[in-house]
N, C-alpha and C. Protein backbone atom coordinates (compact mmCIF):
# COMPACT_ATOMS: atom_id res chain seq x y z
N MET A 1 0.90 -1.18 -0.02
CA MET A 1 0.00 -0.01 -0.03
C MET A 1 0.89 1.25 -0.02
N SER A 2 0.56 2.18 -0.80
CA SER A 2 1.26 3.45 -0.80
C SER A 2 0.37 4.56 -0.34
N VAL A 3 0.95 5.52 0.35
CA VAL A 3 0.23 6.64 0.93
C VAL A 3 0.92 7.94 0.48
N ASN A 4 0.17 8.82 -0.13
CA ASN A 4 0.69 10.13 -0.47
C ASN A 4 0.33 11.08 0.69
N ILE A 5 1.33 11.35 1.50
CA ILE A 5 1.04 12.19 2.67
C ILE A 5 1.16 13.65 2.21
N ILE A 6 2.29 13.97 1.52
CA ILE A 6 2.48 15.33 1.05
C ILE A 6 2.74 15.28 -0.44
N THR A 7 1.98 16.01 -1.21
CA THR A 7 2.21 16.04 -2.67
C THR A 7 3.37 16.95 -3.03
N SER A 8 3.80 16.88 -4.20
CA SER A 8 4.84 17.76 -4.66
C SER A 8 4.51 19.21 -4.73
N THR A 9 3.21 19.46 -4.87
CA THR A 9 2.75 20.83 -4.98
C THR A 9 2.36 21.44 -3.55
N GLN A 10 2.12 20.60 -2.60
CA GLN A 10 1.72 21.01 -1.25
C GLN A 10 0.79 22.21 -1.28
N PRO A 11 -0.43 22.01 -1.79
CA PRO A 11 -1.33 23.15 -1.97
C PRO A 11 -1.72 23.89 -0.77
N TYR A 12 -1.60 23.26 0.43
CA TYR A 12 -1.99 23.94 1.65
C TYR A 12 -0.86 24.71 2.19
N LEU A 13 0.35 24.62 1.61
CA LEU A 13 1.49 25.41 2.14
C LEU A 13 2.19 26.15 0.97
N PRO A 14 1.48 26.90 0.19
CA PRO A 14 2.04 27.57 -0.93
C PRO A 14 3.03 28.65 -0.56
N ASN A 15 4.14 28.66 -1.26
CA ASN A 15 5.12 29.75 -1.18
C ASN A 15 5.50 30.05 0.30
N GLN A 16 5.73 29.05 1.09
CA GLN A 16 6.14 29.23 2.46
C GLN A 16 7.52 28.67 2.65
N SER A 17 8.24 29.31 3.55
CA SER A 17 9.59 28.84 3.83
C SER A 17 9.56 27.46 4.62
N MET A 18 10.59 26.82 4.66
CA MET A 18 10.69 25.56 5.40
C MET A 18 10.33 25.81 6.90
N THR A 19 10.75 26.86 7.45
CA THR A 19 10.40 27.19 8.86
C THR A 19 8.92 27.40 9.03
N GLU A 20 8.30 28.13 8.08
CA GLU A 20 6.85 28.32 8.17
C GLU A 20 6.06 27.01 7.95
N GLN A 21 6.60 26.14 7.03
CA GLN A 21 5.94 24.84 6.88
C GLN A 21 6.05 23.99 8.08
N GLN A 22 7.22 23.96 8.69
CA GLN A 22 7.40 23.19 9.92
C GLN A 22 6.54 23.66 11.00
N SER A 23 6.33 25.01 11.17
CA SER A 23 5.48 25.56 12.16
C SER A 23 4.02 25.13 11.93
N TYR A 24 3.62 25.17 10.65
CA TYR A 24 2.23 24.77 10.28
C TYR A 24 2.02 23.31 10.61
N LEU A 25 2.98 22.45 10.27
CA LEU A 25 2.83 21.04 10.59
C LEU A 25 2.87 20.77 12.04
N ARG A 26 3.60 21.51 12.83
CA ARG A 26 3.75 21.29 14.25
C ARG A 26 2.40 21.73 14.94
N HIS A 27 1.70 22.69 14.40
CA HIS A 27 0.53 23.17 15.11
C HIS A 27 -0.77 22.66 14.56
N ASN A 28 -0.75 21.62 13.75
CA ASN A 28 -1.91 21.01 13.14
C ASN A 28 -1.85 19.52 13.32
N SER A 29 -3.00 18.89 13.65
CA SER A 29 -3.02 17.45 13.83
C SER A 29 -3.02 16.72 12.52
N VAL A 30 -2.82 15.46 12.52
CA VAL A 30 -2.83 14.65 11.31
C VAL A 30 -4.23 14.75 10.66
N SER A 31 -5.29 14.73 11.40
CA SER A 31 -6.61 14.82 10.80
C SER A 31 -6.86 16.25 10.21
N GLU A 32 -6.34 17.29 10.80
CA GLU A 32 -6.42 18.61 10.17
C GLU A 32 -5.62 18.72 8.87
N LEU A 33 -4.49 18.11 8.83
CA LEU A 33 -3.66 18.09 7.65
C LEU A 33 -4.35 17.37 6.49
N VAL A 34 -4.97 16.22 6.82
CA VAL A 34 -5.64 15.42 5.80
C VAL A 34 -6.86 16.25 5.29
N ALA A 35 -7.59 16.86 6.23
CA ALA A 35 -8.77 17.69 5.85
C ALA A 35 -8.34 18.86 4.95
N ALA A 36 -7.24 19.51 5.27
CA ALA A 36 -6.74 20.62 4.46
C ALA A 36 -6.37 20.13 3.08
N GLN A 37 -5.79 18.94 3.00
CA GLN A 37 -5.42 18.42 1.72
C GLN A 37 -6.67 18.05 0.93
N ALA A 38 -7.65 17.47 1.56
CA ALA A 38 -8.90 17.07 0.98
C ALA A 38 -9.65 18.32 0.45
N ALA A 39 -9.58 19.42 1.16
CA ALA A 39 -10.20 20.64 0.65
C ALA A 39 -9.43 21.23 -0.56
N ALA A 40 -8.09 21.15 -0.55
CA ALA A 40 -7.36 21.74 -1.57
C ALA A 40 -7.32 20.85 -2.85
N THR A 41 -7.24 19.53 -2.68
CA THR A 41 -7.14 18.66 -3.81
C THR A 41 -7.98 17.41 -3.63
N PRO A 42 -9.35 17.56 -3.62
CA PRO A 42 -10.27 16.45 -3.28
C PRO A 42 -10.15 15.25 -4.20
N ASN A 43 -9.78 15.47 -5.45
CA ASN A 43 -9.70 14.40 -6.41
C ASN A 43 -8.33 13.75 -6.57
N ALA A 44 -7.35 14.24 -5.80
CA ALA A 44 -6.03 13.63 -5.82
C ALA A 44 -6.03 12.33 -5.13
N VAL A 45 -5.25 11.36 -5.56
CA VAL A 45 -5.20 10.07 -4.95
C VAL A 45 -4.39 10.11 -3.67
N ALA A 46 -4.98 9.72 -2.57
CA ALA A 46 -4.41 9.73 -1.24
C ALA A 46 -3.71 8.38 -0.96
N LEU A 47 -4.43 7.30 -1.24
CA LEU A 47 -3.95 5.94 -0.91
C LEU A 47 -4.11 4.97 -2.11
N THR A 48 -3.21 4.12 -2.24
CA THR A 48 -3.29 3.04 -3.25
C THR A 48 -2.85 1.76 -2.56
N ALA A 49 -3.73 0.75 -2.69
CA ALA A 49 -3.41 -0.59 -2.11
C ALA A 49 -3.90 -1.65 -3.11
N GLY A 50 -2.98 -2.39 -3.67
CA GLY A 50 -3.34 -3.32 -4.68
C GLY A 50 -3.94 -2.54 -5.82
N GLY A 51 -5.11 -2.93 -6.31
CA GLY A 51 -5.78 -2.24 -7.37
C GLY A 51 -6.74 -1.18 -6.87
N ASP A 52 -6.85 -1.02 -5.57
CA ASP A 52 -7.77 -0.01 -4.98
C ASP A 52 -7.05 1.28 -4.75
N SER A 53 -7.77 2.37 -4.95
CA SER A 53 -7.24 3.69 -4.49
C SER A 53 -8.41 4.53 -3.96
N ILE A 54 -8.07 5.52 -3.24
CA ILE A 54 -9.05 6.45 -2.65
C ILE A 54 -8.50 7.81 -2.74
N THR A 55 -9.37 8.80 -3.03
CA THR A 55 -8.93 10.22 -3.14
C THR A 55 -8.93 10.81 -1.74
N TYR A 56 -8.29 12.00 -1.65
CA TYR A 56 -8.32 12.71 -0.39
C TYR A 56 -9.74 13.11 0.03
N GLY A 57 -10.54 13.52 -0.95
CA GLY A 57 -11.90 13.85 -0.62
C GLY A 57 -12.71 12.70 -0.11
N ASP A 58 -12.60 11.53 -0.75
CA ASP A 58 -13.35 10.36 -0.26
C ASP A 58 -12.76 9.89 1.08
N LEU A 59 -11.48 9.86 1.21
CA LEU A 59 -10.86 9.47 2.51
C LEU A 59 -11.40 10.32 3.65
N ASP A 60 -11.41 11.66 3.46
CA ASP A 60 -11.83 12.54 4.55
C ASP A 60 -13.34 12.32 4.81
N LYS A 61 -14.16 12.22 3.74
CA LYS A 61 -15.60 12.02 3.95
C LYS A 61 -15.88 10.70 4.68
N ARG A 62 -15.23 9.63 4.27
CA ARG A 62 -15.45 8.29 4.92
C ARG A 62 -14.99 8.34 6.36
N ALA A 63 -13.86 8.93 6.61
CA ALA A 63 -13.34 9.08 7.95
C ALA A 63 -14.28 9.89 8.80
N ASN A 64 -14.88 10.95 8.27
CA ASN A 64 -15.81 11.75 8.98
C ASN A 64 -17.03 10.95 9.35
N GLN A 65 -17.59 10.16 8.37
CA GLN A 65 -18.79 9.34 8.68
C GLN A 65 -18.46 8.36 9.78
N LEU A 66 -17.34 7.68 9.66
CA LEU A 66 -16.98 6.71 10.68
C LEU A 66 -16.78 7.38 12.05
N ALA A 67 -16.11 8.54 12.03
CA ALA A 67 -15.89 9.26 13.30
C ALA A 67 -17.22 9.68 13.97
N ASN A 68 -18.13 10.15 13.15
CA ASN A 68 -19.46 10.54 13.66
C ASN A 68 -20.21 9.36 14.21
N TYR A 69 -20.08 8.15 13.56
CA TYR A 69 -20.65 6.96 14.06
C TYR A 69 -20.01 6.47 15.35
N LEU A 70 -18.66 6.62 15.43
CA LEU A 70 -18.02 6.19 16.63
C LEU A 70 -18.41 7.02 17.83
N ILE A 71 -18.65 8.31 17.65
CA ILE A 71 -19.09 9.18 18.68
C ILE A 71 -20.37 8.62 19.35
N THR A 72 -21.29 8.09 18.51
CA THR A 72 -22.56 7.53 19.06
C THR A 72 -22.31 6.27 19.83
N LEU A 73 -21.11 5.67 19.66
CA LEU A 73 -20.79 4.48 20.42
C LEU A 73 -19.95 4.79 21.68
N GLY A 74 -19.79 6.12 21.96
CA GLY A 74 -19.09 6.53 23.15
C GLY A 74 -17.65 6.73 22.92
N VAL A 75 -17.13 6.81 21.73
CA VAL A 75 -15.77 7.09 21.49
C VAL A 75 -15.50 8.58 21.51
N GLY A 76 -14.45 8.98 22.13
CA GLY A 76 -14.05 10.39 22.18
C GLY A 76 -12.61 10.50 22.66
N PRO A 77 -12.24 11.63 23.21
CA PRO A 77 -10.90 11.80 23.67
C PRO A 77 -10.45 10.73 24.70
N LYS A 78 -9.23 10.23 24.49
CA LYS A 78 -8.63 9.23 25.36
C LYS A 78 -9.35 7.85 25.29
N THR A 79 -10.21 7.66 24.32
CA THR A 79 -10.86 6.35 24.20
C THR A 79 -10.07 5.49 23.22
N ILE A 80 -9.79 4.23 23.59
CA ILE A 80 -9.05 3.31 22.67
C ILE A 80 -10.08 2.62 21.78
N VAL A 81 -9.67 2.54 20.53
CA VAL A 81 -10.44 1.79 19.51
C VAL A 81 -9.51 0.77 18.82
N GLY A 82 -9.84 -0.53 18.86
CA GLY A 82 -9.08 -1.51 18.17
C GLY A 82 -9.35 -1.42 16.68
N LEU A 83 -8.30 -1.67 15.88
CA LEU A 83 -8.45 -1.80 14.43
C LEU A 83 -7.82 -3.08 13.98
N CYS A 84 -8.63 -4.06 13.75
CA CYS A 84 -8.13 -5.35 13.29
C CYS A 84 -8.47 -5.47 11.79
N LEU A 85 -7.57 -4.84 11.01
CA LEU A 85 -7.80 -4.81 9.56
C LEU A 85 -6.45 -5.01 8.87
N ASP A 86 -6.54 -5.59 7.66
CA ASP A 86 -5.30 -5.65 6.81
C ASP A 86 -4.91 -4.24 6.42
N ARG A 87 -3.69 -4.06 6.02
CA ARG A 87 -3.23 -2.83 5.52
C ARG A 87 -4.06 -2.52 4.25
N SER A 88 -4.82 -1.45 4.33
CA SER A 88 -5.77 -1.15 3.26
C SER A 88 -6.28 0.29 3.48
N PRO A 89 -6.99 0.80 2.43
CA PRO A 89 -7.62 2.10 2.68
C PRO A 89 -8.59 2.15 3.85
N GLU A 90 -9.22 0.95 4.12
CA GLU A 90 -10.11 0.86 5.28
C GLU A 90 -9.36 1.06 6.62
N SER A 91 -8.18 0.49 6.70
CA SER A 91 -7.40 0.64 7.92
C SER A 91 -6.95 2.07 8.15
N VAL A 92 -6.58 2.75 7.06
CA VAL A 92 -6.17 4.21 7.20
C VAL A 92 -7.41 5.04 7.51
N THR A 93 -8.55 4.74 6.86
CA THR A 93 -9.82 5.43 7.23
C THR A 93 -10.17 5.26 8.64
N GLY A 94 -10.02 4.04 9.17
CA GLY A 94 -10.34 3.76 10.59
C GLY A 94 -9.47 4.53 11.54
N ALA A 95 -8.16 4.54 11.28
CA ALA A 95 -7.22 5.22 12.13
C ALA A 95 -7.53 6.70 12.09
N LEU A 96 -7.76 7.25 10.89
CA LEU A 96 -8.05 8.70 10.76
C LEU A 96 -9.31 9.02 11.50
N ALA A 97 -10.33 8.24 11.38
CA ALA A 97 -11.59 8.52 12.13
C ALA A 97 -11.39 8.58 13.55
N VAL A 98 -10.63 7.68 14.10
CA VAL A 98 -10.35 7.65 15.57
C VAL A 98 -9.57 8.94 15.97
N LEU A 99 -8.55 9.29 15.20
CA LEU A 99 -7.83 10.48 15.46
C LEU A 99 -8.63 11.76 15.41
N LYS A 100 -9.59 11.80 14.49
CA LYS A 100 -10.43 13.01 14.33
C LYS A 100 -11.20 13.28 15.58
N ILE A 101 -11.52 12.33 16.40
CA ILE A 101 -12.29 12.57 17.60
C ILE A 101 -11.52 12.45 18.86
N GLY A 102 -10.17 12.47 18.73
CA GLY A 102 -9.31 12.53 19.88
C GLY A 102 -9.09 11.15 20.52
N GLY A 103 -9.51 10.13 19.91
CA GLY A 103 -9.31 8.73 20.39
C GLY A 103 -7.89 8.29 20.00
N ALA A 104 -7.66 7.05 20.50
CA ALA A 104 -6.35 6.39 20.21
C ALA A 104 -6.67 5.03 19.55
N TYR A 105 -5.96 4.72 18.49
CA TYR A 105 -6.21 3.54 17.79
C TYR A 105 -5.19 2.42 18.23
N LEU A 106 -5.65 1.21 18.27
CA LEU A 106 -4.86 0.05 18.63
C LEU A 106 -4.79 -0.83 17.39
N PRO A 107 -3.69 -0.78 16.57
CA PRO A 107 -3.65 -1.60 15.40
C PRO A 107 -3.37 -3.04 15.79
N LEU A 108 -4.18 -3.93 15.15
CA LEU A 108 -4.11 -5.35 15.44
C LEU A 108 -4.02 -6.08 14.06
N ASP A 109 -3.00 -6.90 13.89
CA ASP A 109 -2.80 -7.62 12.67
C ASP A 109 -3.72 -8.87 12.63
N PRO A 110 -4.66 -8.91 11.69
CA PRO A 110 -5.59 -10.02 11.63
C PRO A 110 -4.90 -11.39 11.37
N ALA A 111 -3.63 -11.35 10.96
CA ALA A 111 -2.88 -12.57 10.76
C ALA A 111 -2.40 -13.17 12.09
N TYR A 112 -2.41 -12.44 13.16
CA TYR A 112 -2.00 -12.97 14.42
C TYR A 112 -2.96 -14.02 14.91
N PRO A 113 -2.46 -14.93 15.74
CA PRO A 113 -3.38 -15.94 16.36
C PRO A 113 -4.47 -15.21 17.16
N THR A 114 -5.65 -15.78 17.14
CA THR A 114 -6.84 -15.22 17.87
C THR A 114 -6.44 -15.03 19.36
N GLU A 115 -5.76 -15.98 19.91
CA GLU A 115 -5.39 -15.91 21.31
C GLU A 115 -4.60 -14.62 21.64
N ARG A 116 -3.66 -14.31 20.80
CA ARG A 116 -2.81 -13.12 20.96
C ARG A 116 -3.66 -11.84 20.79
N LEU A 117 -4.53 -11.86 19.77
CA LEU A 117 -5.37 -10.70 19.54
C LEU A 117 -6.24 -10.44 20.73
N LEU A 118 -6.87 -11.52 21.25
CA LEU A 118 -7.74 -11.36 22.43
C LEU A 118 -7.00 -10.86 23.63
N PHE A 119 -5.76 -11.34 23.84
CA PHE A 119 -4.93 -10.86 24.95
C PHE A 119 -4.73 -9.33 24.82
N MET A 120 -4.36 -8.84 23.64
CA MET A 120 -4.15 -7.44 23.46
C MET A 120 -5.42 -6.63 23.64
N LEU A 121 -6.51 -7.20 23.19
CA LEU A 121 -7.85 -6.46 23.34
C LEU A 121 -8.22 -6.43 24.80
N ASN A 122 -8.11 -7.51 25.49
CA ASN A 122 -8.46 -7.52 26.92
C ASN A 122 -7.55 -6.64 27.77
N ASP A 123 -6.26 -6.63 27.41
CA ASP A 123 -5.27 -5.79 28.11
C ASP A 123 -5.50 -4.32 27.89
N ALA A 124 -5.72 -3.93 26.62
CA ALA A 124 -5.88 -2.49 26.30
C ALA A 124 -7.26 -1.94 26.66
N GLY A 125 -8.29 -2.78 26.59
CA GLY A 125 -9.65 -2.41 26.96
C GLY A 125 -10.29 -1.39 26.06
N PRO A 126 -10.33 -1.62 24.73
CA PRO A 126 -10.96 -0.71 23.82
C PRO A 126 -12.44 -0.64 24.03
N ARG A 127 -13.04 0.47 23.73
CA ARG A 127 -14.48 0.62 23.73
C ARG A 127 -15.12 -0.03 22.49
N VAL A 128 -14.41 0.06 21.40
CA VAL A 128 -14.89 -0.41 20.08
C VAL A 128 -13.76 -1.18 19.42
N LEU A 129 -14.12 -2.19 18.59
CA LEU A 129 -13.20 -2.86 17.72
C LEU A 129 -13.76 -2.77 16.31
N ILE A 130 -12.96 -2.22 15.44
CA ILE A 130 -13.30 -2.18 14.00
C ILE A 130 -12.63 -3.27 13.27
N THR A 131 -13.34 -4.08 12.58
CA THR A 131 -12.82 -5.21 11.84
C THR A 131 -13.64 -5.45 10.61
N ARG A 132 -13.44 -6.51 9.88
CA ARG A 132 -14.25 -6.94 8.77
C ARG A 132 -15.18 -7.94 9.24
N ALA A 133 -16.29 -8.15 8.51
CA ALA A 133 -17.37 -9.08 8.86
C ALA A 133 -16.85 -10.52 9.07
N GLU A 134 -15.88 -10.97 8.28
CA GLU A 134 -15.42 -12.37 8.43
C GLU A 134 -14.67 -12.57 9.70
N SER A 135 -14.20 -11.52 10.35
CA SER A 135 -13.43 -11.64 11.61
C SER A 135 -14.27 -11.30 12.86
N ALA A 136 -15.44 -10.75 12.65
CA ALA A 136 -16.27 -10.19 13.75
C ALA A 136 -16.63 -11.30 14.73
N GLU A 137 -16.91 -12.48 14.26
CA GLU A 137 -17.42 -13.54 15.15
C GLU A 137 -16.43 -13.87 16.26
N LYS A 138 -15.18 -14.01 15.95
CA LYS A 138 -14.16 -14.42 16.91
C LYS A 138 -13.95 -13.33 18.00
N PHE A 139 -14.42 -12.12 17.82
CA PHE A 139 -14.28 -11.06 18.76
C PHE A 139 -15.52 -10.71 19.52
N SER A 140 -16.55 -11.47 19.27
CA SER A 140 -17.90 -11.11 19.85
C SER A 140 -18.05 -11.25 21.36
N GLU A 141 -17.12 -11.95 22.00
CA GLU A 141 -17.23 -12.23 23.46
C GLU A 141 -16.62 -11.11 24.36
N GLY A 142 -16.06 -10.14 23.80
CA GLY A 142 -15.37 -9.10 24.62
C GLY A 142 -16.29 -8.02 25.09
N SER A 143 -15.78 -7.09 25.87
CA SER A 143 -16.52 -5.98 26.45
C SER A 143 -16.64 -4.83 25.44
N TRP A 144 -16.03 -4.95 24.33
CA TRP A 144 -16.04 -3.95 23.25
C TRP A 144 -17.19 -4.15 22.31
N LYS A 145 -17.58 -3.11 21.63
CA LYS A 145 -18.57 -3.17 20.57
C LYS A 145 -17.87 -3.49 19.29
N VAL A 146 -18.26 -4.47 18.54
CA VAL A 146 -17.64 -4.79 17.24
C VAL A 146 -18.36 -4.11 16.13
N VAL A 147 -17.58 -3.42 15.31
CA VAL A 147 -18.07 -2.68 14.10
C VAL A 147 -17.44 -3.41 12.90
N SER A 148 -18.28 -3.90 11.99
CA SER A 148 -17.80 -4.53 10.77
C SER A 148 -17.78 -3.42 9.72
N ILE A 149 -16.59 -2.91 9.44
CA ILE A 149 -16.47 -1.75 8.54
C ILE A 149 -17.02 -2.02 7.15
N ASP A 150 -17.05 -3.28 6.73
CA ASP A 150 -17.45 -3.59 5.40
C ASP A 150 -18.92 -3.96 5.34
N ARG A 151 -19.60 -4.12 6.49
CA ARG A 151 -21.00 -4.54 6.50
C ARG A 151 -21.91 -3.61 7.22
N ASP A 152 -21.43 -2.83 8.14
CA ASP A 152 -22.23 -1.97 8.97
C ASP A 152 -22.70 -0.78 8.18
N ARG A 153 -23.87 -0.92 7.54
CA ARG A 153 -24.41 0.16 6.70
C ARG A 153 -24.83 1.38 7.48
N ALA A 154 -24.99 1.26 8.74
CA ALA A 154 -25.29 2.49 9.61
C ALA A 154 -24.28 3.58 9.44
N ILE A 155 -23.00 3.23 9.18
CA ILE A 155 -21.97 4.15 9.04
C ILE A 155 -22.30 5.13 7.91
N ASP A 156 -22.88 4.56 6.81
CA ASP A 156 -23.20 5.37 5.62
C ASP A 156 -24.22 6.50 5.86
N ASN A 157 -24.98 6.33 6.99
CA ASN A 157 -26.05 7.31 7.28
C ASN A 157 -25.54 8.51 8.08
N TYR A 158 -24.28 8.48 8.44
CA TYR A 158 -23.76 9.58 9.27
C TYR A 158 -23.17 10.69 8.40
N SER A 159 -23.09 11.88 8.95
CA SER A 159 -22.68 13.02 8.26
C SER A 159 -21.19 12.90 7.72
N THR A 160 -20.98 13.47 6.58
CA THR A 160 -19.63 13.56 5.98
C THR A 160 -18.89 14.78 6.47
N ASN A 161 -19.61 15.61 7.34
CA ASN A 161 -18.91 16.77 7.91
C ASN A 161 -18.01 16.33 9.04
N SER A 162 -16.93 17.07 9.16
CA SER A 162 -15.93 16.77 10.22
C SER A 162 -16.54 17.02 11.55
N PRO A 163 -16.32 16.04 12.50
CA PRO A 163 -16.84 16.21 13.86
C PRO A 163 -16.03 17.30 14.53
N ALA A 164 -16.52 17.88 15.68
CA ALA A 164 -15.89 18.95 16.36
C ALA A 164 -14.44 18.42 16.75
N ASN A 165 -13.49 19.26 16.57
CA ASN A 165 -12.09 18.87 16.86
C ASN A 165 -11.92 18.76 18.39
N GLN A 166 -11.54 17.55 18.80
CA GLN A 166 -11.28 17.34 20.21
C GLN A 166 -9.85 16.93 20.42
N VAL A 167 -9.03 17.09 19.49
CA VAL A 167 -7.62 16.68 19.60
C VAL A 167 -6.83 17.78 20.31
N LYS A 168 -6.07 17.31 21.23
CA LYS A 168 -5.21 18.22 22.05
C LYS A 168 -3.73 17.78 21.76
N PRO A 169 -2.78 18.72 22.01
CA PRO A 169 -1.40 18.34 21.77
C PRO A 169 -0.91 17.13 22.55
N ASP A 170 -1.53 16.88 23.69
CA ASP A 170 -1.10 15.78 24.51
C ASP A 170 -2.01 14.56 24.38
N SER A 171 -2.90 14.57 23.33
CA SER A 171 -3.80 13.43 23.15
C SER A 171 -3.02 12.19 22.77
N LEU A 172 -3.42 11.08 23.34
CA LEU A 172 -2.90 9.79 22.98
C LEU A 172 -3.38 9.50 21.54
N ALA A 173 -2.43 9.06 20.67
CA ALA A 173 -2.77 8.78 19.30
C ALA A 173 -2.97 7.28 18.99
N TYR A 174 -2.10 6.48 19.58
CA TYR A 174 -2.24 5.01 19.37
C TYR A 174 -1.57 4.23 20.49
N VAL A 175 -1.89 2.94 20.54
CA VAL A 175 -1.33 2.03 21.52
C VAL A 175 -0.72 0.90 20.69
N ILE A 176 0.52 0.53 20.94
CA ILE A 176 1.24 -0.41 20.18
C ILE A 176 1.68 -1.58 21.08
N TYR A 177 1.45 -2.78 20.63
CA TYR A 177 1.97 -3.96 21.35
C TYR A 177 3.13 -4.47 20.45
N THR A 178 4.26 -4.76 21.06
CA THR A 178 5.38 -5.24 20.29
C THR A 178 5.50 -6.75 20.49
N SER A 179 6.29 -7.37 19.65
CA SER A 179 6.40 -8.85 19.76
C SER A 179 7.32 -9.29 20.89
N GLY A 180 7.97 -8.35 21.50
CA GLY A 180 8.77 -8.74 22.67
C GLY A 180 10.17 -8.45 22.55
């Protein structure tokens, strides 16, 4: 999967010195930077994975819908959300949605043994787990709400407008478990 974080034209930082650009980047969250890029170049490709690609405009809209849905499930600042997805536009959309509302994402590799995944989930205590429908069953016994990103049509009913920014400079962004 390839990700275009900054384009060669950098439309949201025109004619600025490196110092000005660094200041801009330092004072804006990842979600704000993606939203700015989506506003400036909505049809530019943001992500490519295999044969699939997604534009900045679509990435931002989908992340906003998922973020607004997650808010109804109680996700907000300092809330952990598990992401058990292959590397894909969906995984980036999920992480971005969580970051937009000040939550922290817990990336989980679906190739790991179920036992290991359940250990990490039980240890981290996420409020929500985002996964695909084919994996949802093995995670149904936890204290978290399971969201099937590919089947939960309720997500499509939520606003594509960005939720209120709740990100603070000291907000937790992610939780990582290492192999030891």
